[in-house]
């Protein structure tokens, strides 16, 4: 089980930095659009809100997905161990 967790942590570390940079750039770039009040703001603000929200949710997802991945992979390993144990007991 520890091997699965170690692999997920290593993979998560490789993925977190690029994803954080992408989300941060998008969020920072949208702040002026979201706070604008000039011409065209009545059109641009509603267009920017879903993107801003999506990037914010993506930040949260980056930390939830590795946990779910570890849980799923551990359950696969556990199921494999049970099958091997059952096969060995039948011999």
PDB file of N, CA and C in Angstrom:
ATOM      1  N   UNK A   1       0.809  -1.198   0.000  1.00  0.00           N
ATOM      2  CA  UNK A   1       0.000   0.000   0.000  1.00  0.00           C
ATOM      3  C   UNK A   1       0.860   1.273   0.000  1.00  0.00           C
ATOM      4  N   UNK A   2       1.947   1.212   0.723  1.00  0.00           N
ATOM      5  CA  UNK A   2       2.810   2.395   0.805  1.00  0.00           C
ATOM      6  C   UNK A   2       3.407   2.739  -0.561  1.00  0.00           C
ATOM      7  N   UNK A   3       3.661   1.705  -1.390  1.00  0.00           N
ATOM      8  CA  UNK A   3       4.206   1.957  -2.725  1.00  0.00           C
ATOM      9  C   UNK A   3       3.223   2.755  -3.562  1.00  0.00           C
ATOM     10  N   UNK A   4       1.937   2.439  -3.422  1.00  0.00           N
ATOM     11  CA  UNK A   4       0.905   3.166  -4.163  1.00  0.00           C
ATOM     12  C   UNK A   4       0.880   4.617  -3.720  1.00  0.00           C
ATOM     13  N   UNK A   5       0.901   4.848  -2.433  1.00  0.00           N
ATOM     14  CA  UNK A   5       0.868   6.223  -1.923  1.00  0.00           C
ATOM     15  C   UNK A   5       2.100   7.008  -2.351  1.00  0.00           C
ATOM     16  N   UNK A   6       3.257   6.365  -2.309  1.00  0.00           N
ATOM     17  CA  UNK A   6       4.481   7.035  -2.752  1.00  0.00           C
ATOM     18  C   UNK A   6       4.404   7.406  -4.231  1.00  0.00           C
ATOM     19  N   UNK A   7       3.883   6.488  -5.055  1.00  0.00           N
ATOM     20  CA  UNK A   7       3.758   6.764  -6.485  1.00  0.00           C
ATOM     21  C   UNK A   7       2.789   7.911  -6.746  1.00  0.00           C
ATOM     22  N   UNK A   8       1.692   7.958  -6.013  1.00  0.00           N
ATOM     23  CA  UNK A   8       0.711   9.032  -6.192  1.00  0.00           C
ATOM     24  C   UNK A   8       1.301  10.371  -5.756  1.00  0.00           C
ATOM     25  N   UNK A   9       2.053  10.379  -4.676  1.00  0.00           N
ATOM     26  CA  UNK A   9       2.679  11.621  -4.208  1.00  0.00           C
ATOM     27  C   UNK A   9       3.697  12.123  -5.226  1.00  0.00           C
ATOM     28  N   UNK A  10       4.505  11.223  -5.759  1.00  0.00           N
ATOM     29  CA  UNK A  10       5.504  11.622  -6.762  1.00  0.00           C
ATOM     30  C   UNK A  10       4.813  12.170  -8.005  1.00  0.00           C
ATOM     31  N   UNK A  11       3.785  11.484  -8.477  1.00  0.00           N
ATOM     32  CA  UNK A  11       3.055  11.948  -9.657  1.00  0.00           C
ATOM     33  C   UNK A  11       2.350  13.275  -9.375  1.00  0.00           C
ATOM     34  N   UNK A  12       1.789  13.412  -8.180  1.00  0.00           N
ATOM     35  CA  UNK A  12       1.122  14.662  -7.818  1.00  0.00           C
ATOM     36  C   UNK A  12       2.076  15.833  -7.782  1.00  0.00           C
ATOM     37  N   UNK A  13       3.280  15.605  -7.280  1.00  0.00           N
ATOM     38  CA  UNK A  13       4.273  16.684  -7.230  1.00  0.00           C
ATOM     39  C   UNK A  13       4.663  17.144  -8.623  1.00  0.00           C
ATOM     40  N   UNK A  14       4.733  16.199  -9.545  1.00  0.00           N
ATOM     41  CA  UNK A  14       5.083  16.560 -10.919  1.00  0.00           C
ATOM     42  C   UNK A  14       3.959  17.342 -11.587  1.00  0.00           C
ATOM     43  N   UNK A  15       2.734  17.101 -11.208  1.00  0.00           N
ATOM     44  CA  UNK A  15       1.585  17.717 -11.872  1.00  0.00           C
ATOM     45  C   UNK A  15       1.143  19.021 -11.221  1.00  0.00           C
ATOM     46  N   UNK A  16       1.392  19.184  -9.943  1.00  0.00           N
ATOM     47  CA  UNK A  16       0.854  20.341  -9.226  1.00  0.00           C
ATOM     48  C   UNK A  16       1.446  21.657  -9.726  1.00  0.00           C
ATOM     49  N   UNK A  17       2.749  21.721  -9.918  1.00  0.00           N
ATOM     50  CA  UNK A  17       3.374  22.995 -10.309  1.00  0.00           C
ATOM     51  C   UNK A  17       2.847  23.524 -11.639  1.00  0.00           C
ATOM     52  N   UNK A  18       2.832  22.742 -12.718  1.00  0.00           N
ATOM     53  CA  UNK A  18       2.296  23.287 -13.968  1.00  0.00           C
ATOM     54  C   UNK A  18       0.823  23.655 -13.875  1.00  0.00           C
ATOM     55  N   UNK A  19       0.047  22.849 -13.167  1.00  0.00           N
ATOM     56  CA  UNK A  19      -1.373  23.150 -13.041  1.00  0.00           C
ATOM     57  C   UNK A  19      -1.595  24.419 -12.216  1.00  0.00           C
ATOM     58  N   UNK A  20      -0.818  24.597 -11.160  1.00  0.00           N
ATOM     59  CA  UNK A  20      -0.919  25.819 -10.351  1.00  0.00           C
ATOM     60  C   UNK A  20      -0.552  27.044 -11.169  1.00  0.00           C
ATOM     61  N   UNK A  21       0.505  26.933 -11.963  1.00  0.00           N
ATOM     62  CA  UNK A  21       0.925  28.064 -12.784  1.00  0.00           C
ATOM     63  C   UNK A  21      -0.153  28.429 -13.803  1.00  0.00           C
ATOM     64  N   UNK A  22      -0.741  27.434 -14.439  1.00  0.00           N
ATOM     65  CA  UNK A  22      -1.796  27.689 -15.423  1.00  0.00           C
ATOM     66  C   UNK A  22      -3.000  28.353 -14.779  1.00  0.00           C
ATOM     67  N   UNK A  23      -3.447  27.798 -13.666  1.00  0.00           N
ATOM     68  CA  UNK A  23      -4.614  28.357 -12.983  1.00  0.00           C
ATOM     69  C   UNK A  23      -4.320  29.756 -12.447  1.00  0.00           C
ATOM     70  N   UNK A  24      -3.147  29.957 -11.877  1.00  0.00           N
ATOM     71  CA  UNK A  24      -2.800  31.270 -11.322  1.00  0.00           C
ATOM     72  C   UNK A  24      -2.759  32.342 -12.406  1.00  0.00           C
ATOM     73  N   UNK A  25      -2.178  32.012 -13.550  1.00  0.00           N
ATOM     74  CA  UNK A  25      -2.105  32.984 -14.648  1.00  0.00           C
ATOM     75  C   UNK A  25      -3.510  33.335 -15.126  1.00  0.00           C
ATOM     76  N   UNK A  26      -4.373  32.328 -15.278  1.00  0.00           N
ATOM     77  CA  UNK A  26      -5.740  32.595 -15.732  1.00  0.00           C
ATOM     78  C   UNK A  26      -6.502  33.444 -14.725  1.00  0.00           C
ATOM     79  N   UNK A  27      -6.368  33.128 -13.451  1.00  0.00           N
ATOM     80  CA  UNK A  27      -7.083  33.886 -12.420  1.00  0.00           C
ATOM     81  C   UNK A  27      -6.577  35.323 -12.357  1.00  0.00           C
ATOM     82  N   UNK A  28      -5.269  35.497 -12.364  1.00  0.00           N
ATOM     83  CA  UNK A  28      -4.695  36.843 -12.298  1.00  0.00           C
ATOM     84  C   UNK A  28      -5.071  37.651 -13.537  1.00  0.00           C
ATOM     85  N   UNK A  29      -5.084  37.002 -14.700  1.00  0.00           N
ATOM     86  CA  UNK A  29      -5.430  37.702 -15.936  1.00  0.00           C
ATOM     87  C   UNK A  29      -6.895  38.130 -15.956  1.00  0.00           C
ATOM     88  N   UNK A  30      -7.749  37.389 -15.277  1.00  0.00           N
ATOM     89  CA  UNK A  30      -9.173  37.715 -15.285  1.00  0.00           C
ATOM     90  C   UNK A  30      -9.565  38.758 -14.240  1.00  0.00           C
ATOM     91  N   UNK A  31      -8.725  39.024 -13.268  1.00  0.00           N
ATOM     92  CA  UNK A  31      -9.073  39.999 -12.232  1.00  0.00           C
ATOM     93  C   UNK A  31      -9.380  41.387 -12.797  1.00  0.00           C
ATOM     94  N   UNK A  32      -8.581  41.929 -13.730  1.00  0.00           N
ATOM     95  CA  UNK A  32      -8.944  43.237 -14.283  1.00  0.00           C
ATOM     96  C   UNK A  32     -10.277  43.216 -15.037  1.00  0.00           C
ATOM     97  N   UNK A  33     -10.566  42.123 -15.707  1.00  0.00           N
ATOM     98  CA  UNK A  33     -11.833  42.015 -16.435  1.00  0.00           C
ATOM     99  C   UNK A  33     -12.994  41.977 -15.447  1.00  0.00           C
ATOM    100  N   UNK A  34     -12.833  41.233 -14.368  1.00  0.00           N
ATOM    101  CA  UNK A  34     -13.915  41.104 -13.385  1.00  0.00           C
ATOM    102  C   UNK A  34     -14.169  42.389 -12.611  1.00  0.00           C
ATOM    103  N   UNK A  35     -13.154  43.218 -12.481  1.00  0.00           N
ATOM    104  CA  UNK A  35     -13.322  44.461 -11.715  1.00  0.00           C
ATOM    105  C   UNK A  35     -13.557  45.683 -12.596  1.00  0.00           C
ATOM    106  N   UNK A  36     -13.655  45.479 -13.907  1.00  0.00           N
ATOM    107  CA  UNK A  36     -13.821  46.627 -14.807  1.00  0.00           C
ATOM    108  C   UNK A  36     -15.246  47.163 -14.758  1.00  0.00           C
ATOM    109  N   UNK A  37     -15.348  48.454 -15.045  1.00  0.00           N
ATOM    110  CA  UNK A  37     -16.660  49.111 -15.065  1.00  0.00           C
ATOM    111  C   UNK A  37     -16.847  49.952 -16.324  1.00  0.00           C
ATOM    112  N   UNK A  38     -15.874  49.925 -17.223  1.00  0.00           N
ATOM    113  CA  UNK A  38     -15.921  50.754 -18.423  1.00  0.00           C
ATOM    114  C   UNK A  38     -16.799  50.161 -19.511  1.00  0.00           C
ATOM    115  N   UNK A  39     -16.563  50.650 -20.737  1.00  0.00           N
ATOM    116  CA  UNK A  39     -17.329  50.175 -21.884  1.00  0.00           C
ATOM    117  C   UNK A  39     -17.050  48.698 -22.106  1.00  0.00           C
ATOM    118  N   UNK A  40     -18.083  47.957 -22.370  1.00  0.00           N
ATOM    119  CA  UNK A  40     -17.956  46.536 -22.632  1.00  0.00           C
ATOM    120  C   UNK A  40     -17.931  45.662 -21.392  1.00  0.00           C
ATOM    121  N   UNK A  41     -17.872  46.281 -20.219  1.00  0.00           N
ATOM    122  CA  UNK A  41     -17.815  45.494 -18.993  1.00  0.00           C
ATOM    123  C   UNK A  41     -19.095  44.691 -18.780  1.00  0.00           C
ATOM    124  N   UNK A  42     -20.225  45.243 -19.251  1.00  0.00           N
ATOM    125  CA  UNK A  42     -21.481  44.525 -19.080  1.00  0.00           C
ATOM    126  C   UNK A  42     -21.511  43.212 -19.869  1.00  0.00           C
ATOM    127  N   UNK A  43     -20.687  43.099 -20.889  1.00  0.00           N
ATOM    128  CA  UNK A  43     -20.579  41.864 -21.666  1.00  0.00           C
ATOM    129  C   UNK A  43     -19.435  40.990 -21.147  1.00  0.00           C
ATOM    130  N   UNK A  44     -18.291  41.592 -20.846  1.00  0.00           N
ATOM    131  CA  UNK A  44     -17.092  40.832 -20.502  1.00  0.00           C
ATOM    132  C   UNK A  44     -17.142  40.202 -19.111  1.00  0.00           C
ATOM    133  N   UNK A  45     -17.723  40.881 -18.147  1.00  0.00           N
ATOM    134  CA  UNK A  45     -17.765  40.333 -16.785  1.00  0.00           C
ATOM    135  C   UNK A  45     -18.547  39.017 -16.742  1.00  0.00           C
ATOM    136  N   UNK A  46     -19.761  38.949 -17.323  1.00  0.00           N
ATOM    137  CA  UNK A  46     -20.458  37.647 -17.311  1.00  0.00           C
ATOM    138  C   UNK A  46     -19.714  36.552 -18.075  1.00  0.00           C
ATOM    139  N   UNK A  47     -18.915  36.933 -19.074  1.00  0.00           N
ATOM    140  CA  UNK A  47     -18.137  35.933 -19.806  1.00  0.00           C
ATOM    141  C   UNK A  47     -16.944  35.447 -18.988  1.00  0.00           C
ATOM    142  N   UNK A  48     -16.401  36.292 -18.140  1.00  0.00           N
ATOM    143  CA  UNK A  48     -15.210  35.940 -17.364  1.00  0.00           C
ATOM    144  C   UNK A  48     -15.542  35.150 -16.094  1.00  0.00           C
ATOM    145  N   UNK A  49     -16.739  35.312 -15.588  1.00  0.00           N
ATOM    146  CA  UNK A  49     -17.109  34.658 -14.330  1.00  0.00           C
ATOM    147  C   UNK A  49     -16.994  33.129 -14.403  1.00  0.00           C
ATOM    148  N   UNK A  50     -17.528  32.453 -15.443  1.00  0.00           N
ATOM    149  CA  UNK A  50     -17.381  30.980 -15.479  1.00  0.00           C
ATOM    150  C   UNK A  50     -15.925  30.523 -15.572  1.00  0.00           C
ATOM    151  N   UNK A  51     -15.112  31.251 -16.306  1.00  0.00           N
ATOM    152  CA  UNK A  51     -13.706  30.880 -16.421  1.00  0.00           C
ATOM    153  C   UNK A  51     -13.005  31.042 -15.080  1.00  0.00           C
ATOM    154  N   UNK A  52     -13.266  32.134 -14.412  1.00  0.00           N
ATOM    155  CA  UNK A  52     -12.683  32.378 -13.094  1.00  0.00           C
ATOM    156  C   UNK A  52     -13.114  31.282 -12.114  1.00  0.00           C
ATOM    157  N   UNK A  53     -14.395  30.965 -12.102  1.00  0.00           N
ATOM    158  CA  UNK A  53     -14.897  29.912 -11.219  1.00  0.00           C
ATOM    159  C   UNK A  53     -14.310  28.554 -11.565  1.00  0.00           C
ATOM    160  N   UNK A  54     -14.187  28.264 -12.853  1.00  0.00           N
ATOM    161  CA  UNK A  54     -13.606  26.998 -13.275  1.00  0.00           C
ATOM    162  C   UNK A  54     -12.163  26.855 -12.850  1.00  0.00           C
ATOM    163  N   UNK A  55     -11.400  27.918 -12.958  1.00  0.00           N
ATOM    164  CA  UNK A  55     -10.000  27.870 -12.536  1.00  0.00           C
ATOM    165  C   UNK A  55      -9.887  27.727 -11.013  1.00  0.00           C
ATOM    166  N   UNK A  56     -10.794  28.351 -10.302  1.00  0.00           N
ATOM    167  CA  UNK A  56     -10.798  28.229  -8.845  1.00  0.00           C
ATOM    168  C   UNK A  56     -11.127  26.795  -8.431  1.00  0.00           C
ATOM    169  N   UNK A  57     -12.121  26.202  -9.078  1.00  0.00           N
ATOM    170  CA  UNK A  57     -12.476  24.815  -8.780  1.00  0.00           C
ATOM    171  C   UNK A  57     -11.344  23.882  -9.186  1.00  0.00           C
ATOM    172  N   UNK A  58     -10.655  24.205 -10.283  1.00  0.00           N
ATOM    173  CA  UNK A  58      -9.532  23.394 -10.727  1.00  0.00           C
ATOM    174  C   UNK A  58      -8.428  23.372  -9.676  1.00  0.00           C
ATOM    175  N   UNK A  59      -8.213  24.488  -9.003  1.00  0.00           N
ATOM    176  CA  UNK A  59      -7.214  24.524  -7.932  1.00  0.00           C
ATOM    177  C   UNK A  59      -7.575  23.550  -6.817  1.00  0.00           C
ATOM    178  N   UNK A  60      -8.869  23.515  -6.460  1.00  0.00           N
ATOM    179  CA  UNK A  60      -9.302  22.591  -5.415  1.00  0.00           C
ATOM    180  C   UNK A  60      -9.204  21.140  -5.895  1.00  0.00           C
ATOM    181  N   UNK A  61      -9.546  20.922  -7.153  1.00  0.00           N
ATOM    182  CA  UNK A  61      -9.513  19.573  -7.721  1.00  0.00           C
ATOM    183  C   UNK A  61      -8.107  18.997  -7.739  1.00  0.00           C
ATOM    184  N   UNK A  62      -7.115  19.847  -7.920  1.00  0.00           N
ATOM    185  CA  UNK A  62      -5.733  19.375  -7.969  1.00  0.00           C
ATOM    186  C   UNK A  62      -5.325  18.633  -6.698  1.00  0.00           C
ATOM    187  N   UNK A  63      -5.937  18.960  -5.615  1.00  0.00           N
ATOM    188  CA  UNK A  63      -5.572  18.323  -4.355  1.00  0.00           C
ATOM    189  C   UNK A  63      -6.515  17.169  -4.003  1.00  0.00           C
ATOM    190  N   UNK A  64      -7.704  17.125  -4.586  1.00  0.00           N
ATOM    191  CA  UNK A  64      -8.654  16.059  -4.303  1.00  0.00           C
ATOM    192  C   UNK A  64      -8.389  14.842  -5.194  1.00  0.00           C
ATOM    193  N   UNK A  65      -8.069  15.065  -6.463  1.00  0.00           N
ATOM    194  CA  UNK A  65      -7.880  13.963  -7.403  1.00  0.00           C
ATOM    195  C   UNK A  65      -6.765  13.006  -6.977  1.00  0.00           C
ATOM    196  N   UNK A  66      -5.597  13.481  -6.528  1.00  0.00           N
ATOM    197  CA  UNK A  66      -4.586  12.519  -6.084  1.00  0.00           C
ATOM    198  C   UNK A  66      -5.048  11.643  -4.918  1.00  0.00           C
ATOM    199  N   UNK A  67      -5.849  12.188  -4.032  1.00  0.00           N
ATOM    200  CA  UNK A  67      -6.367  11.394  -2.911  1.00  0.00           C
ATOM    201  C   UNK A  67      -7.302  10.305  -3.434  1.00  0.00           C
ATOM    202  N   UNK A  68      -8.186  10.667  -4.356  1.00  0.00           N
ATOM    203  CA  UNK A  68      -9.095   9.677  -4.935  1.00  0.00           C
ATOM    204  C   UNK A  68      -8.325   8.636  -5.745  1.00  0.00           C
ATOM    205  N   UNK A  69      -7.299   9.071  -6.456  1.00  0.00           N
ATOM    206  CA  UNK A  69      -6.463   8.150  -7.227  1.00  0.00           C
ATOM    207  C   UNK A  69      -5.787   7.132  -6.303  1.00  0.00           C
ATOM    208  N   UNK A  70      -5.242   7.594  -5.197  1.00  0.00           N
ATOM    209  CA  UNK A  70      -4.591   6.698  -4.241  1.00  0.00           C
ATOM    210  C   UNK A  70      -5.605   5.699  -3.678  1.00  0.00           C
ATOM    211  N   UNK A  71      -6.778   6.178  -3.334  1.00  0.00           N
ATOM    212  CA  UNK A  71      -7.822   5.294  -2.804  1.00  0.00           C
ATOM    213  C   UNK A  71      -8.182   4.224  -3.819  1.00  0.00           C
ATOM    214  N   UNK A  72      -8.361   4.611  -5.080  1.00  0.00           N
ATOM    215  CA  UNK A  72      -8.736   3.675  -6.132  1.00  0.00           C
ATOM    216  C   UNK A  72      -7.634   2.642  -6.370  1.00  0.00           C
ATOM    217  N   UNK A  73      -6.387   3.123  -6.489  1.00  0.00           N
ATOM    218  CA  UNK A  73      -5.271   2.202  -6.741  1.00  0.00           C
ATOM    219  C   UNK A  73      -5.057   1.247  -5.558  1.00  0.00           C
ATOM    220  N   UNK A  74      -5.220   1.731  -4.351  1.00  0.00           N
ATOM    221  CA  UNK A  74      -5.073   0.865  -3.183  1.00  0.00           C
ATOM    222  C   UNK A  74      -6.151  -0.208  -3.155  1.00  0.00           C
ATOM    223  N   UNK A  75      -7.366   0.154  -3.564  1.00  0.00           N
ATOM    224  CA  UNK A  75      -8.436  -0.849  -3.591  1.00  0.00           C
ATOM    225  C   UNK A  75      -8.157  -1.912  -4.645  1.00  0.00           C
ATOM    226  N   UNK A  76      -7.554  -1.519  -5.781  1.00  0.00           N
ATOM    227  CA  UNK A  76      -7.179  -2.492  -6.805  1.00  0.00           C
ATOM    228  C   UNK A  76      -6.105  -3.422  -6.265  1.00  0.00           C
ATOM    229  N   UNK A  77      -5.116  -2.873  -5.561  1.00  0.00           N
ATOM    230  CA  UNK A  77      -4.052  -3.699  -4.985  1.00  0.00           C
ATOM    231  C   UNK A  77      -4.629  -4.641  -3.936  1.00  0.00           C
ATOM    232  N   UNK A  78      -5.525  -4.137  -3.085  1.00  0.00           N
ATOM    233  CA  UNK A  78      -6.144  -4.988  -2.063  1.00  0.00           C
ATOM    234  C   UNK A  78      -6.925  -6.139  -2.704  1.00  0.00           C
ATOM    235  N   UNK A  79      -7.679  -5.824  -3.768  1.00  0.00           N
ATOM    236  CA  UNK A  79      -8.455  -6.862  -4.460  1.00  0.00           C
ATOM    237  C   UNK A  79      -7.519  -7.900  -5.054  1.00  0.00           C
ATOM    238  N   UNK A  80      -6.398  -7.468  -5.607  1.00  0.00           N
ATOM    239  CA  UNK A  80      -5.412  -8.405  -6.156  1.00  0.00           C
ATOM    240  C   UNK A  80      -4.821  -9.290  -5.082  1.00  0.00           C
ATOM    241  N   UNK A  81      -4.597  -8.722  -3.911  1.00  0.00           N
ATOM    242  CA  UNK A  81      -4.052  -9.513  -2.798  1.00  0.00           C
ATOM    243  C   UNK A  81      -5.064 -10.556  -2.337  1.00  0.00           C
ATOM    244  N   UNK A  82      -6.335 -10.175  -2.306  1.00  0.00           N
ATOM    245  CA  UNK A  82      -7.368 -11.124  -1.904  1.00  0.00           C
ATOM    246  C   UNK A  82      -7.466 -12.279  -2.896  1.00  0.00           C
ATOM    247  N   UNK A  83      -7.384 -11.969  -4.182  1.00  0.00           N
ATOM    248  CA  UNK A  83      -7.460 -12.999  -5.202  1.00  0.00           C
ATOM    249  C   UNK A  83      -6.266 -13.934  -5.101  1.00  0.00           C
ATOM    250  N   UNK A  84      -5.079 -13.380  -4.901  1.00  0.00           N
ATOM    251  CA  UNK A  84      -3.887 -14.210  -4.752  1.00  0.00           C
ATOM    252  C   UNK A  84      -3.977 -15.081  -3.503  1.00  0.00           C
ATOM    253  N   UNK A  85      -4.471 -14.517  -2.431  1.00  0.00           N
ATOM    254  CA  UNK A  85      -4.626 -15.281  -1.196  1.00  0.00           C
ATOM    255  C   UNK A  85      -5.608 -16.431  -1.368  1.00  0.00           C
ATOM    256  N   UNK A  86      -6.701 -16.189  -2.090  1.00  0.00           N
ATOM    257  CA  UNK A  86      -7.699 -17.228  -2.327  1.00  0.00           C
ATOM    258  C   UNK A  86      -7.132 -18.324  -3.221  1.00  0.00           C
ATOM    259  N   UNK A  87      -6.352 -17.944  -4.216  1.00  0.00           N
ATOM    260  CA  UNK A  87      -5.734 -18.929  -5.103  1.00  0.00           C
ATOM    261  C   UNK A  87      -4.740 -19.795  -4.347  1.00  0.00           C
ATOM    262  N   UNK A  88      -3.964 -19.186  -3.465  1.00  0.00           N
ATOM    263  CA  UNK A  88      -2.959 -19.937  -2.718  1.00  0.00           C
ATOM    264  C   UNK A  88      -3.618 -20.889  -1.716  1.00  0.00           C
ATOM    265  N   UNK A  89      -4.742 -20.468  -1.154  1.00  0.00           N
ATOM    266  CA  UNK A  89      -5.419 -21.343  -0.186  1.00  0.00           C
ATOM    267  C   UNK A  89      -6.083 -22.523  -0.881  1.00  0.00           C
ATOM    268  N   UNK A  90      -6.417 -22.391  -2.162  1.00  0.00           N
ATOM    269  CA  UNK A  90      -7.019 -23.493  -2.913  1.00  0.00           C
ATOM    270  C   UNK A  90      -5.979 -24.532  -3.329  1.00  0.00           C
ATOM    271  N   UNK A  91      -4.717 -24.158  -3.335  1.00  0.00           N
ATOM    272  CA  UNK A  91      -3.662 -25.112  -3.737  1.00  0.00           C
ATOM    273  C   UNK A  91      -3.445 -26.053  -2.637  1.00  0.00           C
TER     274      UNK A  91
END
